[in-house]
Amino acid sequence: MIKILMVCMGNICRSPLAEGIMKSKLNTYGIDGYVDSAGTIAGHTGEAPDERSCRVALKNDLDISMQKARQIKAADLDEFDYIFAMDSANYANILKLAKTEDQKKKVELIMNRVSPGLNLEVPDPYYGNIDEFVEVFEMLNRCCEQIAKSLKHQKF
């Protein structure tokens, strides 16, 4: 079973969307996997995703409302096979937890799956309007589709 962790800052906007989308893609492609999400800060621990993330997910037939925010922990770098960061700040914070080169190799910017080597970021929509959440959903949907196709065809 493949284990994937999606990480943003607070685990209430981007990474919950990425978790929900990735779970759906694994199901669609018949891939045996487990997906979770976390944040690099603990400020929202135990909270449900942002209402706007939930709304955009529901419009796309995904219910992420039961997810609960948590902070990433060092053990996650052993437990998960792939850890996707939404932006460079969170990428750097995840790498600070890594104790080995193997752990570091598991971490990447999620946008590099659709724009290899460009190190593009998924913008944080927290202070934005619903349109920004829609844009983030679309970005993550493209990334998760590419990840699922790579897993299905063993090109990961």
C-alpha atoms as a PDB file:
ATOM      1  CA  MET A   1       0.000   0.000   0.000  1.00  0.00           C
ATOM      2  CA  ILE A   2       1.244   3.455  -1.004  1.00  0.00           C
ATOM      3  CA  LYS A   3       1.092   6.114   1.725  1.00  0.00           C
ATOM      4  CA  ILE A   4       0.869   9.770   0.697  1.00  0.00           C
ATOM      5  CA  LEU A   5       0.924  12.842   2.966  1.00  0.00           C
ATOM      6  CA  MET A   6      -0.209  16.279   1.770  1.00  0.00           C
ATOM      7  CA  VAL A   7       1.209  19.229   3.734  1.00  0.00           C
ATOM      8  CA  CYS A   8       0.432  22.943   3.922  1.00  0.00           C
ATOM      9  CA  MET A   9       0.781  25.412   6.774  1.00  0.00           C
ATOM     10  CA  GLY A  10      -2.356  25.047   8.883  1.00  0.00           C
ATOM     11  CA  ASN A  11      -3.923  21.911   7.370  1.00  0.00           C
ATOM     12  CA  ILE A  12      -7.267  23.636   6.832  1.00  0.00           C
ATOM     13  CA  CYS A  13      -7.253  24.885   3.205  1.00  0.00           C
ATOM     14  CA  ARG A  14      -4.873  23.347   0.668  1.00  0.00           C
ATOM     15  CA  SER A  15      -3.773  20.026   2.153  1.00  0.00           C
ATOM     16  CA  PRO A  16      -7.322  18.897   3.093  1.00  0.00           C
ATOM     17  CA  LEU A  17      -8.353  19.535  -0.527  1.00  0.00           C
ATOM     18  CA  ALA A  18      -5.292  17.642  -1.753  1.00  0.00           C
ATOM     19  CA  GLU A  19      -6.076  14.749   0.600  1.00  0.00           C
ATOM     20  CA  GLY A  20      -9.659  14.495  -0.607  1.00  0.00           C
ATOM     21  CA  ILE A  21      -8.729  14.770  -4.278  1.00  0.00           C
ATOM     22  CA  MET A  22      -5.903  12.227  -3.975  1.00  0.00           C
ATOM     23  CA  LYS A  23      -8.150   9.708  -2.199  1.00  0.00           C
ATOM     24  CA  SER A  24     -10.650  10.064  -5.041  1.00  0.00           C
ATOM     25  CA  LYS A  25      -7.944   9.585  -7.685  1.00  0.00           C
ATOM     26  CA  LEU A  26      -6.583   6.461  -5.998  1.00  0.00           C
ATOM     27  CA  ASN A  27     -10.105   5.063  -5.923  1.00  0.00           C
ATOM     28  CA  THR A  28     -10.710   5.966  -9.579  1.00  0.00           C
ATOM     29  CA  TYR A  29      -7.476   4.295 -10.678  1.00  0.00           C
ATOM     30  CA  GLY A  30      -7.888   1.285  -8.383  1.00  0.00           C
ATOM     31  CA  ILE A  31      -4.673   2.006  -6.493  1.00  0.00           C
ATOM     32  CA  ASP A  32      -4.231   0.580  -2.998  1.00  0.00           C
ATOM     33  CA  GLY A  33      -3.230   3.595  -0.981  1.00  0.00           C
ATOM     34  CA  TYR A  34      -3.646   5.655   2.138  1.00  0.00           C
ATOM     35  CA  VAL A  35      -3.733   9.463   2.044  1.00  0.00           C
ATOM     36  CA  ASP A  36      -3.523  11.892   4.955  1.00  0.00           C
ATOM     37  CA  SER A  37      -2.754  15.569   5.381  1.00  0.00           C
ATOM     38  CA  ALA A  38      -0.988  17.717   7.951  1.00  0.00           C
ATOM     39  CA  GLY A  39       0.204  21.237   8.593  1.00  0.00           C
ATOM     40  CA  THR A  40       3.600  22.559   9.555  1.00  0.00           C
ATOM     41  CA  ILE A  41       2.051  24.596  12.387  1.00  0.00           C
ATOM     42  CA  ALA A  42      -0.240  23.418  15.187  1.00  0.00           C
ATOM     43  CA  GLY A  43      -2.518  26.480  15.205  1.00  0.00           C
ATOM     44  CA  HIS A  44      -5.577  24.649  13.850  1.00  0.00           C
ATOM     45  CA  THR A  45      -5.072  21.181  15.357  1.00  0.00           C
ATOM     46  CA  GLY A  46      -8.370  19.339  15.686  1.00  0.00           C
ATOM     47  CA  GLU A  47     -10.286  21.784  13.478  1.00  0.00           C
ATOM     48  CA  ALA A  48     -12.274  20.835  10.389  1.00  0.00           C
ATOM     49  CA  PRO A  49     -11.146  22.216   7.020  1.00  0.00           C
ATOM     50  CA  ASP A  50     -11.986  25.808   6.133  1.00  0.00           C
ATOM     51  CA  GLU A  51     -15.629  26.127   5.125  1.00  0.00           C
ATOM     52  CA  ARG A  52     -14.612  27.415   1.687  1.00  0.00           C
ATOM     53  CA  SER A  53     -12.446  24.331   1.050  1.00  0.00           C
ATOM     54  CA  CYS A  54     -15.371  22.142   2.072  1.00  0.00           C
ATOM     55  CA  ARG A  55     -17.722  24.045  -0.238  1.00  0.00           C
ATOM     56  CA  VAL A  56     -15.416  23.787  -3.270  1.00  0.00           C
ATOM     57  CA  ALA A  57     -14.801  20.097  -2.563  1.00  0.00           C
ATOM     58  CA  LEU A  58     -18.553  19.399  -2.344  1.00  0.00           C
ATOM     59  CA  LYS A  59     -19.135  21.148  -5.676  1.00  0.00           C
ATOM     60  CA  ASN A  60     -16.722  18.549  -7.059  1.00  0.00           C
ATOM     61  CA  ASP A  61     -18.472  15.612  -5.334  1.00  0.00           C
ATOM     62  CA  LEU A  62     -15.917  15.301  -2.522  1.00  0.00           C
ATOM     63  CA  ASP A  63     -16.776  15.513   1.167  1.00  0.00           C
ATOM     64  CA  ILE A  64     -13.763  16.582   3.214  1.00  0.00           C
ATOM     65  CA  SER A  65     -15.755  17.958   6.156  1.00  0.00           C
ATOM     66  CA  MET A  66     -14.849  15.094   8.508  1.00  0.00           C
ATOM     67  CA  GLN A  67     -11.087  15.679   8.247  1.00  0.00           C
ATOM     68  CA  LYS A  68      -9.326  17.104  11.302  1.00  0.00           C
ATOM     69  CA  ALA A  69      -6.221  19.273  11.148  1.00  0.00           C
ATOM     70  CA  ARG A  70      -3.012  17.973  12.659  1.00  0.00           C
ATOM     71  CA  GLN A  71       0.618  18.994  12.735  1.00  0.00           C
ATOM     72  CA  ILE A  72       3.221  16.988  10.857  1.00  0.00           C
ATOM     73  CA  LYS A  73       5.536  14.988  13.093  1.00  0.00           C
ATOM     74  CA  ALA A  74       8.990  13.503  12.535  1.00  0.00           C
ATOM     75  CA  ALA A  75       7.538   9.963  12.460  1.00  0.00           C
ATOM     76  CA  ASP A  76       5.557  10.912   9.326  1.00  0.00           C
ATOM     77  CA  LEU A  77       8.810  10.956   7.373  1.00  0.00           C
ATOM     78  CA  ASP A  78       9.203   7.250   8.123  1.00  0.00           C
ATOM     79  CA  GLU A  79       5.534   6.291   7.807  1.00  0.00           C
ATOM     80  CA  PHE A  80       4.743   7.906   4.435  1.00  0.00           C
ATOM     81  CA  ASP A  81       6.204   6.997   1.050  1.00  0.00           C
ATOM     82  CA  TYR A  82       5.561  10.408  -0.530  1.00  0.00           C
ATOM     83  CA  ILE A  83       5.168  13.779   1.159  1.00  0.00           C
ATOM     84  CA  PHE A  84       3.911  16.652  -0.966  1.00  0.00           C
ATOM     85  CA  ALA A  85       4.394  20.253   0.163  1.00  0.00           C
ATOM     86  CA  MET A  86       2.167  23.004  -1.163  1.00  0.00           C
ATOM     87  CA  ASP A  87       4.861  25.714  -1.142  1.00  0.00           C
ATOM     88  CA  SER A  88       8.556  26.297  -0.564  1.00  0.00           C
ATOM     89  CA  ALA A  89       8.189  27.511   3.035  1.00  0.00           C
ATOM     90  CA  ASN A  90       6.380  24.328   4.035  1.00  0.00           C
ATOM     91  CA  TYR A  91       8.823  22.256   1.988  1.00  0.00           C
ATOM     92  CA  ALA A  92      11.710  23.768   3.977  1.00  0.00           C
ATOM     93  CA  ASN A  93       9.910  23.180   7.280  1.00  0.00           C
ATOM     94  CA  ILE A  94       9.279  19.527   6.430  1.00  0.00           C
ATOM     95  CA  LEU A  95      12.934  19.037   5.505  1.00  0.00           C
ATOM     96  CA  LYS A  96      13.932  20.367   8.939  1.00  0.00           C
ATOM     97  CA  LEU A  97      12.251  17.270  10.424  1.00  0.00           C
ATOM     98  CA  ALA A  98      14.177  14.898   8.151  1.00  0.00           C
ATOM     99  CA  LYS A  99      17.028  13.007   9.769  1.00  0.00           C
ATOM    100  CA  THR A 100      18.186  10.984   6.748  1.00  0.00           C
ATOM    101  CA  GLU A 101      18.664  11.440   3.023  1.00  0.00           C
ATOM    102  CA  ASP A 102      15.977   8.800   2.399  1.00  0.00           C
ATOM    103  CA  GLN A 103      13.488  10.904   4.358  1.00  0.00           C
ATOM    104  CA  LYS A 104      14.464  14.030   2.409  1.00  0.00           C
ATOM    105  CA  LYS A 105      13.948  12.204  -0.901  1.00  0.00           C
ATOM    106  CA  LYS A 106      10.295  11.566   0.021  1.00  0.00           C
ATOM    107  CA  VAL A 107       9.517  15.303   0.136  1.00  0.00           C
ATOM    108  CA  GLU A 108       8.685  17.367  -2.944  1.00  0.00           C
ATOM    109  CA  LEU A 109       6.672  20.352  -4.063  1.00  0.00           C
ATOM    110  CA  ILE A 110       3.375  19.029  -5.407  1.00  0.00           C
ATOM    111  CA  MET A 111       3.371  21.392  -8.408  1.00  0.00           C
ATOM    112  CA  ASN A 112       6.554  19.749  -9.692  1.00  0.00           C
ATOM    113  CA  ARG A 113       4.318  16.857 -10.720  1.00  0.00           C
ATOM    114  CA  VAL A 114       2.738  18.999 -13.467  1.00  0.00           C
ATOM    115  CA  SER A 115       5.548  21.530 -13.986  1.00  0.00           C
ATOM    116  CA  PRO A 116       8.742  19.540 -13.333  1.00  0.00           C
ATOM    117  CA  GLY A 117      11.666  21.479 -11.949  1.00  0.00           C
ATOM    118  CA  LEU A 118       9.901  24.843 -11.890  1.00  0.00           C
ATOM    119  CA  ASN A 119       9.274  24.731  -8.125  1.00  0.00           C
ATOM    120  CA  LEU A 120       5.910  26.454  -8.505  1.00  0.00           C
ATOM    121  CA  GLU A 121       3.698  26.855  -5.453  1.00  0.00           C
ATOM    122  CA  VAL A 122       0.047  26.289  -4.676  1.00  0.00           C
ATOM    123  CA  PRO A 123      -0.998  29.691  -3.291  1.00  0.00           C
ATOM    124  CA  ASP A 124      -2.587  29.851   0.146  1.00  0.00           C
ATOM    125  CA  PRO A 125      -6.207  30.949  -0.428  1.00  0.00           C
ATOM    126  CA  TYR A 126      -6.935  31.564   3.279  1.00  0.00           C
ATOM    127  CA  TYR A 127      -7.206  35.358   2.982  1.00  0.00           C
ATOM    128  CA  GLY A 128      -8.825  35.222  -0.436  1.00  0.00           C
ATOM    129  CA  ASN A 129     -12.291  34.697  -1.815  1.00  0.00           C
ATOM    130  CA  ILE A 130     -14.025  31.567  -3.060  1.00  0.00           C
ATOM    131  CA  ASP A 131     -12.559  32.006  -6.552  1.00  0.00           C
ATOM    132  CA  GLU A 132      -9.080  31.492  -5.115  1.00  0.00           C
ATOM    133  CA  PHE A 133     -10.235  28.244  -3.493  1.00  0.00           C
ATOM    134  CA  VAL A 134     -11.620  27.114  -6.855  1.00  0.00           C
ATOM    135  CA  GLU A 135      -8.266  27.894  -8.502  1.00  0.00           C
ATOM    136  CA  VAL A 136      -6.401  25.947  -5.797  1.00  0.00           C
ATOM    137  CA  PHE A 137      -8.764  22.991  -6.254  1.00  0.00           C
ATOM    138  CA  GLU A 138      -8.090  22.978  -9.999  1.00  0.00           C
ATOM    139  CA  MET A 139      -4.315  23.129  -9.469  1.00  0.00           C
ATOM    140  CA  LEU A 140      -4.411  20.281  -6.959  1.00  0.00           C
ATOM    141  CA  ASN A 141      -6.727  18.240  -9.156  1.00  0.00           C
ATOM    142  CA  ARG A 142      -4.183  18.397 -11.998  1.00  0.00           C
ATOM    143  CA  CYS A 143      -1.348  17.441  -9.646  1.00  0.00           C
ATOM    144  CA  CYS A 144      -3.230  14.547  -8.069  1.00  0.00           C
ATOM    145  CA  GLU A 145      -4.283  13.260 -11.487  1.00  0.00           C
ATOM    146  CA  GLN A 146      -0.639  13.191 -12.541  1.00  0.00           C
ATOM    147  CA  ILE A 147       0.429  11.478  -9.308  1.00  0.00           C
ATOM    148  CA  ALA A 148      -2.276   8.819  -9.714  1.00  0.00           C
ATOM    149  CA  LYS A 149      -1.346   8.182 -13.351  1.00  0.00           C
ATOM    150  CA  SER A 150       2.310   7.846 -12.374  1.00  0.00           C
ATOM    151  CA  LEU A 151       1.438   5.383  -9.625  1.00  0.00           C
ATOM    152  CA  LYS A 152      -0.847   3.399 -11.911  1.00  0.00           C
ATOM    153  CA  HIS A 153       1.846   3.097 -14.542  1.00  0.00           C
ATOM    154  CA  GLN A 154       4.677   2.582 -12.017  1.00  0.00           C
ATOM    155  CA  LYS A 155       6.463   5.735 -13.171  1.00  0.00           C
ATOM    156  CA  PHE A 156       6.830   7.281  -9.766  1.00  0.00           C
END
